[in-house]
């Protein structure tokens, strides 16, 4: 970034002048870092696996029908099912969600 420093005669402090594009880059960088840190904290709070359709519903905050649709489509690689037991790997599920829903969370 290209900073210009001005001494303000009436004030003991220093004022920095930057152009709009540099300011926008700095703000976007700070927001991106904060969002990434927030995602890492959220993922640490989640269990490694969730059980059943209820686990998928709670993980994504969706209805039973939507959880069933997710399980049968894009979420299938994260789901392991043996008989009536259904386990979903949360880490893989969140990656698939981000890939399949542009913007993700």
C-alpha atoms as a PDB file:
ATOM      1  CA  UNK A   1       0.000   0.000   0.000  1.00  0.00           C
ATOM      2  CA  UNK A   2       1.128   3.519  -0.720  1.00  0.00           C
ATOM      3  CA  UNK A   3       0.728   5.716   2.388  1.00  0.00           C
ATOM      4  CA  UNK A   4       1.305   9.436   2.603  1.00  0.00           C
ATOM      5  CA  UNK A   5       1.878  10.933   6.012  1.00  0.00           C
ATOM      6  CA  UNK A   6       0.792  14.444   6.952  1.00  0.00           C
ATOM      7  CA  UNK A   7       1.584  16.198  10.187  1.00  0.00           C
ATOM      8  CA  UNK A   8      -1.415  18.040  11.473  1.00  0.00           C
ATOM      9  CA  UNK A   9      -0.135  21.305  12.995  1.00  0.00           C
ATOM     10  CA  UNK A  10      -2.991  21.751  15.464  1.00  0.00           C
ATOM     11  CA  UNK A  11      -2.824  18.160  16.683  1.00  0.00           C
ATOM     12  CA  UNK A  12       0.056  16.094  18.075  1.00  0.00           C
ATOM     13  CA  UNK A  13      -1.111  12.988  16.181  1.00  0.00           C
ATOM     14  CA  UNK A  14      -0.352  11.771  12.694  1.00  0.00           C
ATOM     15  CA  UNK A  15      -2.890  11.396   9.909  1.00  0.00           C
ATOM     16  CA  UNK A  16      -2.537   8.815   7.130  1.00  0.00           C
ATOM     17  CA  UNK A  17      -3.945   9.432   3.685  1.00  0.00           C
ATOM     18  CA  UNK A  18      -4.649   6.463   1.411  1.00  0.00           C
ATOM     19  CA  UNK A  19      -6.593   6.244  -1.810  1.00  0.00           C
ATOM     20  CA  UNK A  20      -9.974   4.542  -2.015  1.00  0.00           C
ATOM     21  CA  UNK A  21      -8.745   1.355  -3.707  1.00  0.00           C
ATOM     22  CA  UNK A  22      -6.088   0.751  -1.014  1.00  0.00           C
ATOM     23  CA  UNK A  23      -8.665   1.376   1.708  1.00  0.00           C
ATOM     24  CA  UNK A  24     -11.070  -1.078   0.064  1.00  0.00           C
ATOM     25  CA  UNK A  25      -8.324  -3.723  -0.181  1.00  0.00           C
ATOM     26  CA  UNK A  26      -7.445  -3.298   3.500  1.00  0.00           C
ATOM     27  CA  UNK A  27     -11.082  -3.574   4.603  1.00  0.00           C
ATOM     28  CA  UNK A  28     -11.740  -6.622   2.393  1.00  0.00           C
ATOM     29  CA  UNK A  29      -8.611  -8.325   3.710  1.00  0.00           C
ATOM     30  CA  UNK A  30      -9.607  -7.704   7.335  1.00  0.00           C
ATOM     31  CA  UNK A  31     -13.157  -8.949   6.745  1.00  0.00           C
ATOM     32  CA  UNK A  32     -11.913 -12.077   4.964  1.00  0.00           C
ATOM     33  CA  UNK A  33      -9.519 -12.903   7.826  1.00  0.00           C
ATOM     34  CA  UNK A  34     -12.283 -12.400  10.396  1.00  0.00           C
ATOM     35  CA  UNK A  35     -14.704 -14.618   8.465  1.00  0.00           C
ATOM     36  CA  UNK A  36     -12.076 -17.362   8.098  1.00  0.00           C
ATOM     37  CA  UNK A  37     -11.338 -17.260  11.834  1.00  0.00           C
ATOM     38  CA  UNK A  38     -15.073 -17.436  12.540  1.00  0.00           C
ATOM     39  CA  UNK A  39     -15.470 -20.501  10.306  1.00  0.00           C
ATOM     40  CA  UNK A  40     -12.582 -22.260  12.054  1.00  0.00           C
ATOM     41  CA  UNK A  41     -14.129 -21.611  15.472  1.00  0.00           C
ATOM     42  CA  UNK A  42     -17.546 -22.842  14.277  1.00  0.00           C
ATOM     43  CA  UNK A  43     -16.053 -26.050  12.870  1.00  0.00           C
ATOM     44  CA  UNK A  44     -14.208 -26.818  16.096  1.00  0.00           C
ATOM     45  CA  UNK A  45     -17.515 -26.719  17.964  1.00  0.00           C
ATOM     46  CA  UNK A  46     -19.096 -29.317  15.667  1.00  0.00           C
ATOM     47  CA  UNK A  47     -18.886 -33.051  16.308  1.00  0.00           C
ATOM     48  CA  UNK A  48     -16.894 -35.167  13.838  1.00  0.00           C
ATOM     49  CA  UNK A  49     -20.043 -37.049  12.791  1.00  0.00           C
ATOM     50  CA  UNK A  50     -23.764 -36.356  13.030  1.00  0.00           C
ATOM     51  CA  UNK A  51     -26.289 -39.172  13.247  1.00  0.00           C
ATOM     52  CA  UNK A  52     -29.333 -39.613  11.062  1.00  0.00           C
ATOM     53  CA  UNK A  53     -31.400 -37.131   9.122  1.00  0.00           C
ATOM     54  CA  UNK A  54     -31.854 -35.138  12.321  1.00  0.00           C
ATOM     55  CA  UNK A  55     -28.102 -34.517  12.348  1.00  0.00           C
ATOM     56  CA  UNK A  56     -28.208 -33.231   8.764  1.00  0.00           C
ATOM     57  CA  UNK A  57     -31.243 -31.066   9.618  1.00  0.00           C
ATOM     58  CA  UNK A  58     -29.465 -29.553  12.619  1.00  0.00           C
ATOM     59  CA  UNK A  59     -26.168 -29.101  10.770  1.00  0.00           C
ATOM     60  CA  UNK A  60     -27.707 -27.127   7.897  1.00  0.00           C
ATOM     61  CA  UNK A  61     -30.868 -25.811   9.557  1.00  0.00           C
ATOM     62  CA  UNK A  62     -33.209 -27.355   6.991  1.00  0.00           C
ATOM     63  CA  UNK A  63     -36.432 -29.360   6.991  1.00  0.00           C
ATOM     64  CA  UNK A  64     -36.654 -33.165   7.013  1.00  0.00           C
ATOM     65  CA  UNK A  65     -37.507 -33.275   3.289  1.00  0.00           C
ATOM     66  CA  UNK A  66     -34.576 -31.017   2.406  1.00  0.00           C
ATOM     67  CA  UNK A  67     -32.196 -33.094   4.555  1.00  0.00           C
ATOM     68  CA  UNK A  68     -33.353 -36.210   2.678  1.00  0.00           C
ATOM     69  CA  UNK A  69     -32.748 -34.456  -0.648  1.00  0.00           C
ATOM     70  CA  UNK A  70     -29.255 -33.355   0.438  1.00  0.00           C
ATOM     71  CA  UNK A  71     -28.416 -36.910   1.579  1.00  0.00           C
ATOM     72  CA  UNK A  72     -29.420 -38.367  -1.786  1.00  0.00           C
ATOM     73  CA  UNK A  73     -27.679 -35.758  -3.974  1.00  0.00           C
ATOM     74  CA  UNK A  74     -24.594 -33.623  -3.361  1.00  0.00           C
ATOM     75  CA  UNK A  75     -24.081 -34.720   0.265  1.00  0.00           C
ATOM     76  CA  UNK A  76     -23.806 -38.435  -0.643  1.00  0.00           C
ATOM     77  CA  UNK A  77     -19.960 -38.570  -0.495  1.00  0.00           C
ATOM     78  CA  UNK A  78     -20.066 -37.467   3.171  1.00  0.00           C
ATOM     79  CA  UNK A  79     -22.782 -39.955   4.171  1.00  0.00           C
ATOM     80  CA  UNK A  80     -22.224 -43.529   5.340  1.00  0.00           C
ATOM     81  CA  UNK A  81     -25.263 -45.735   5.747  1.00  0.00           C
ATOM     82  CA  UNK A  82     -25.565 -49.308   6.953  1.00  0.00           C
ATOM     83  CA  UNK A  83     -29.149 -50.420   7.234  1.00  0.00           C
ATOM     84  CA  UNK A  84     -31.000 -47.855   9.302  1.00  0.00           C
ATOM     85  CA  UNK A  85     -27.849 -46.240  10.704  1.00  0.00           C
ATOM     86  CA  UNK A  86     -26.804 -43.025   8.970  1.00  0.00           C
ATOM     87  CA  UNK A  87     -23.608 -41.118   9.780  1.00  0.00           C
ATOM     88  CA  UNK A  88     -22.501 -37.885   8.117  1.00  0.00           C
ATOM     89  CA  UNK A  89     -18.929 -36.590   8.277  1.00  0.00           C
ATOM     90  CA  UNK A  90     -19.396 -32.904   9.181  1.00  0.00           C
ATOM     91  CA  UNK A  91     -16.065 -31.690   7.797  1.00  0.00           C
ATOM     92  CA  UNK A  92     -16.678 -33.217   4.351  1.00  0.00           C
ATOM     93  CA  UNK A  93     -20.334 -32.106   4.462  1.00  0.00           C
ATOM     94  CA  UNK A  94     -19.386 -28.460   5.048  1.00  0.00           C
ATOM     95  CA  UNK A  95     -16.834 -28.553   2.215  1.00  0.00           C
ATOM     96  CA  UNK A  96     -19.430 -30.027  -0.139  1.00  0.00           C
ATOM     97  CA  UNK A  97     -21.958 -27.421   0.983  1.00  0.00           C
ATOM     98  CA  UNK A  98     -19.501 -24.614   0.187  1.00  0.00           C
ATOM     99  CA  UNK A  99     -18.782 -26.098  -3.254  1.00  0.00           C
ATOM    100  CA  UNK A 100     -22.411 -26.720  -4.190  1.00  0.00           C
ATOM    101  CA  UNK A 101     -23.942 -23.557  -2.759  1.00  0.00           C
ATOM    102  CA  UNK A 102     -22.006 -20.648  -4.173  1.00  0.00           C
ATOM    103  CA  UNK A 103     -21.112 -18.467  -1.186  1.00  0.00           C
ATOM    104  CA  UNK A 104     -21.612 -21.192   1.371  1.00  0.00           C
ATOM    105  CA  UNK A 105     -21.468 -20.184   5.033  1.00  0.00           C
END
